[in-house]
Amino acid sequence: MDAARQNPQSGSWTLLLGAWLLALVSTLAVLFIGEVMGREPCVLCWYQRAFMFPLVIVLGVACATSDTGVWRYALPLAAVGWLTALYHNLLYFEVIPEAIKPCGAGPSCSGADMSILGGIALPSLSLGVFTLLVVLLVLIRRKANA
């Protein structure tokens, strides 16, 4: 009998570990960009951080305890972070007009120095990370309920 059949939670735990590592790397990256490189985040970037940072702790504890039911707490955090990132991207790419742009006053993420990995804008990268987290958490939910 293969290992997946012996322990059906193993697939969920692997997804959980992946979600935690994604949140951890994302958090360390934005801390590096802000604290080491000295790039201040805009208001919407701060809001996205407010949803990403707790995910590192929540998902880390879930990994340590093999709690595949963590999707109940982590999915709402990731979903609201995703909605914030989506709104940020719609503003960033001027899909929706906004009288008061959050990136307009104070620090802005619209500058050329706020892109990484060959020109990927930080708001787009954030949306991608939150999208992957939501997908992983939905998969964890499905495997845990199977």
Protein backbone atom coordinates (compact mmCIF):
# COMPACT_ATOMS: atom_id res chain seq x y z
CA MET A 1 0.00 0.00 0.00
CA ASP A 2 1.44 3.38 -0.95
CA ALA A 3 2.04 6.18 1.58
CA ALA A 4 -0.82 8.37 0.32
CA ARG A 5 -3.34 5.62 1.06
CA GLN A 6 -1.87 4.89 4.48
CA ASN A 7 -2.12 8.55 5.51
CA PRO A 8 -4.74 10.51 3.56
CA GLN A 9 -3.78 13.68 5.45
CA SER A 10 -0.24 13.61 3.98
CA GLY A 11 -1.38 15.31 0.77
CA SER A 12 -3.15 17.98 2.81
CA TRP A 13 -0.09 18.49 4.97
CA THR A 14 2.11 18.96 1.90
CA LEU A 15 -0.29 21.61 0.59
CA LEU A 16 -0.34 23.19 4.04
CA LEU A 17 3.45 23.30 4.13
CA GLY A 18 3.47 24.87 0.67
CA ALA A 19 0.98 27.54 1.76
CA TRP A 20 3.03 28.32 4.86
CA LEU A 21 6.28 28.56 2.87
CA LEU A 22 4.59 30.84 0.34
CA ALA A 23 3.32 33.15 3.09
CA LEU A 24 6.70 33.07 4.85
CA VAL A 25 8.74 33.87 1.73
CA SER A 26 6.28 36.61 0.79
CA THR A 27 6.50 38.16 4.26
CA LEU A 28 10.30 37.98 4.32
CA ALA A 29 10.42 39.52 0.83
CA VAL A 30 8.28 42.53 1.72
CA LEU A 31 10.24 43.03 4.93
CA PHE A 32 13.46 42.94 2.89
CA ILE A 33 12.07 45.40 0.34
CA GLY A 34 10.87 47.76 3.06
CA GLU A 35 13.54 47.48 5.75
CA VAL A 36 16.71 46.63 3.82
CA MET A 37 16.04 48.32 0.49
CA GLY A 38 14.23 51.25 2.14
CA ARG A 39 11.17 51.25 -0.10
CA GLU A 40 8.11 52.43 1.79
CA PRO A 41 4.83 50.67 1.00
CA CYS A 42 1.72 52.54 -0.06
CA VAL A 43 -1.48 52.40 1.98
CA LEU A 44 -2.94 49.45 0.06
CA CYS A 45 0.35 47.56 0.37
CA TRP A 46 0.11 48.03 4.15
CA TYR A 47 -3.41 46.59 4.14
CA GLN A 48 -2.22 43.57 2.17
CA ARG A 49 0.60 43.05 4.67
CA ALA A 50 -1.97 43.14 7.47
CA PHE A 51 -3.56 40.03 5.95
CA MET A 52 -0.32 38.27 4.93
CA PHE A 53 1.67 38.56 8.17
CA PRO A 54 -0.85 36.67 10.36
CA LEU A 55 -1.01 33.89 7.76
CA VAL A 56 2.63 33.06 8.50
CA ILE A 57 1.79 32.40 12.14
CA VAL A 58 -1.57 30.70 11.55
CA LEU A 59 -0.23 28.41 8.82
CA GLY A 60 3.01 27.76 10.73
CA VAL A 61 1.12 26.60 13.82
CA ALA A 62 -1.13 24.48 11.59
CA CYS A 63 1.93 22.83 10.04
CA ALA A 64 3.41 22.12 13.46
CA THR A 65 0.16 20.55 14.69
CA SER A 66 -0.90 19.01 11.35
CA ASP A 67 -4.17 20.95 11.56
CA THR A 68 -5.71 20.61 8.12
CA GLY A 69 -8.81 22.40 9.43
CA VAL A 70 -6.80 25.64 9.39
CA TRP A 71 -8.54 26.62 6.16
CA ARG A 72 -11.42 27.82 8.37
CA TYR A 73 -9.24 30.62 9.76
CA ALA A 74 -6.70 31.12 7.00
CA LEU A 75 -9.05 31.21 4.02
CA PRO A 76 -10.93 34.35 5.18
CA LEU A 77 -7.59 36.14 5.78
CA ALA A 78 -6.30 35.13 2.36
CA ALA A 79 -9.60 36.00 0.65
CA VAL A 80 -9.75 39.51 2.09
CA GLY A 81 -6.07 39.98 1.25
CA TRP A 82 -6.85 38.81 -2.29
CA LEU A 83 -9.74 41.29 -2.61
CA THR A 84 -7.49 44.10 -1.39
CA ALA A 85 -4.78 43.06 -3.86
CA LEU A 86 -7.33 42.87 -6.68
CA TYR A 87 -8.58 46.38 -5.89
CA HIS A 88 -4.97 47.60 -5.74
CA ASN A 89 -4.23 46.08 -9.16
CA LEU A 90 -7.36 47.58 -10.69
CA LEU A 91 -6.21 51.00 -9.45
CA TYR A 92 -2.59 50.39 -10.41
CA PHE A 93 -3.43 49.45 -13.99
CA GLU A 94 -6.07 52.22 -14.14
CA VAL A 95 -8.90 49.80 -14.89
CA ILE A 96 -11.09 51.62 -12.39
CA PRO A 97 -10.87 55.36 -11.81
CA GLU A 98 -10.31 56.61 -8.30
CA ALA A 99 -10.52 60.25 -7.20
CA ILE A 100 -8.09 59.68 -4.33
CA LYS A 101 -5.51 57.12 -5.31
CA PRO A 102 -3.97 55.33 -2.33
CA CYS A 103 -0.66 55.27 -4.21
CA GLY A 104 -0.81 59.01 -4.88
CA ALA A 105 -0.22 60.45 -1.41
CA GLY A 106 2.96 59.53 0.39
CA PRO A 107 4.84 56.46 -0.78
CA SER A 108 3.81 55.14 -4.17
CA CYS A 109 4.16 51.72 -5.69
CA SER A 110 3.75 53.11 -9.18
CA GLY A 111 7.42 54.01 -9.57
CA ALA A 112 9.86 51.95 -11.61
CA ASP A 113 11.80 51.05 -8.45
CA MET A 114 8.74 49.21 -7.12
CA SER A 115 8.97 46.31 -9.53
CA ILE A 116 11.04 43.18 -9.12
CA LEU A 117 11.90 39.98 -10.96
CA GLY A 118 12.35 41.64 -14.31
CA GLY A 119 9.61 44.24 -14.14
CA ILE A 120 6.78 42.55 -12.23
CA ALA A 121 4.89 45.24 -10.31
CA LEU A 122 4.63 44.59 -6.58
CA PRO A 123 0.80 44.83 -6.63
CA SER A 124 0.70 42.10 -9.31
CA LEU A 125 3.06 39.91 -7.33
CA SER A 126 0.89 40.34 -4.24
CA LEU A 127 -2.23 39.37 -6.17
CA GLY A 128 -0.45 36.29 -7.49
CA VAL A 129 0.66 35.20 -4.02
CA PHE A 130 -2.79 35.69 -2.52
CA THR A 131 -4.31 33.80 -5.46
CA LEU A 132 -1.98 30.85 -4.87
CA LEU A 133 -2.74 30.91 -1.15
CA VAL A 134 -6.49 30.87 -1.76
CA VAL A 135 -6.11 27.98 -4.23
CA LEU A 136 -3.93 25.99 -1.80
CA LEU A 137 -6.35 26.57 1.08
CA VAL A 138 -9.32 25.49 -1.04
CA LEU A 139 -7.41 22.34 -2.01
CA ILE A 140 -6.60 21.70 1.66
CA ARG A 141 -10.30 22.06 2.46
CA ARG A 142 -11.26 19.57 -0.25
CA LYS A 143 -8.67 17.01 0.85
CA ALA A 144 -9.55 17.42 4.52
CA ASN A 145 -13.25 16.87 3.79
CA ALA A 146 -12.67 13.93 1.43
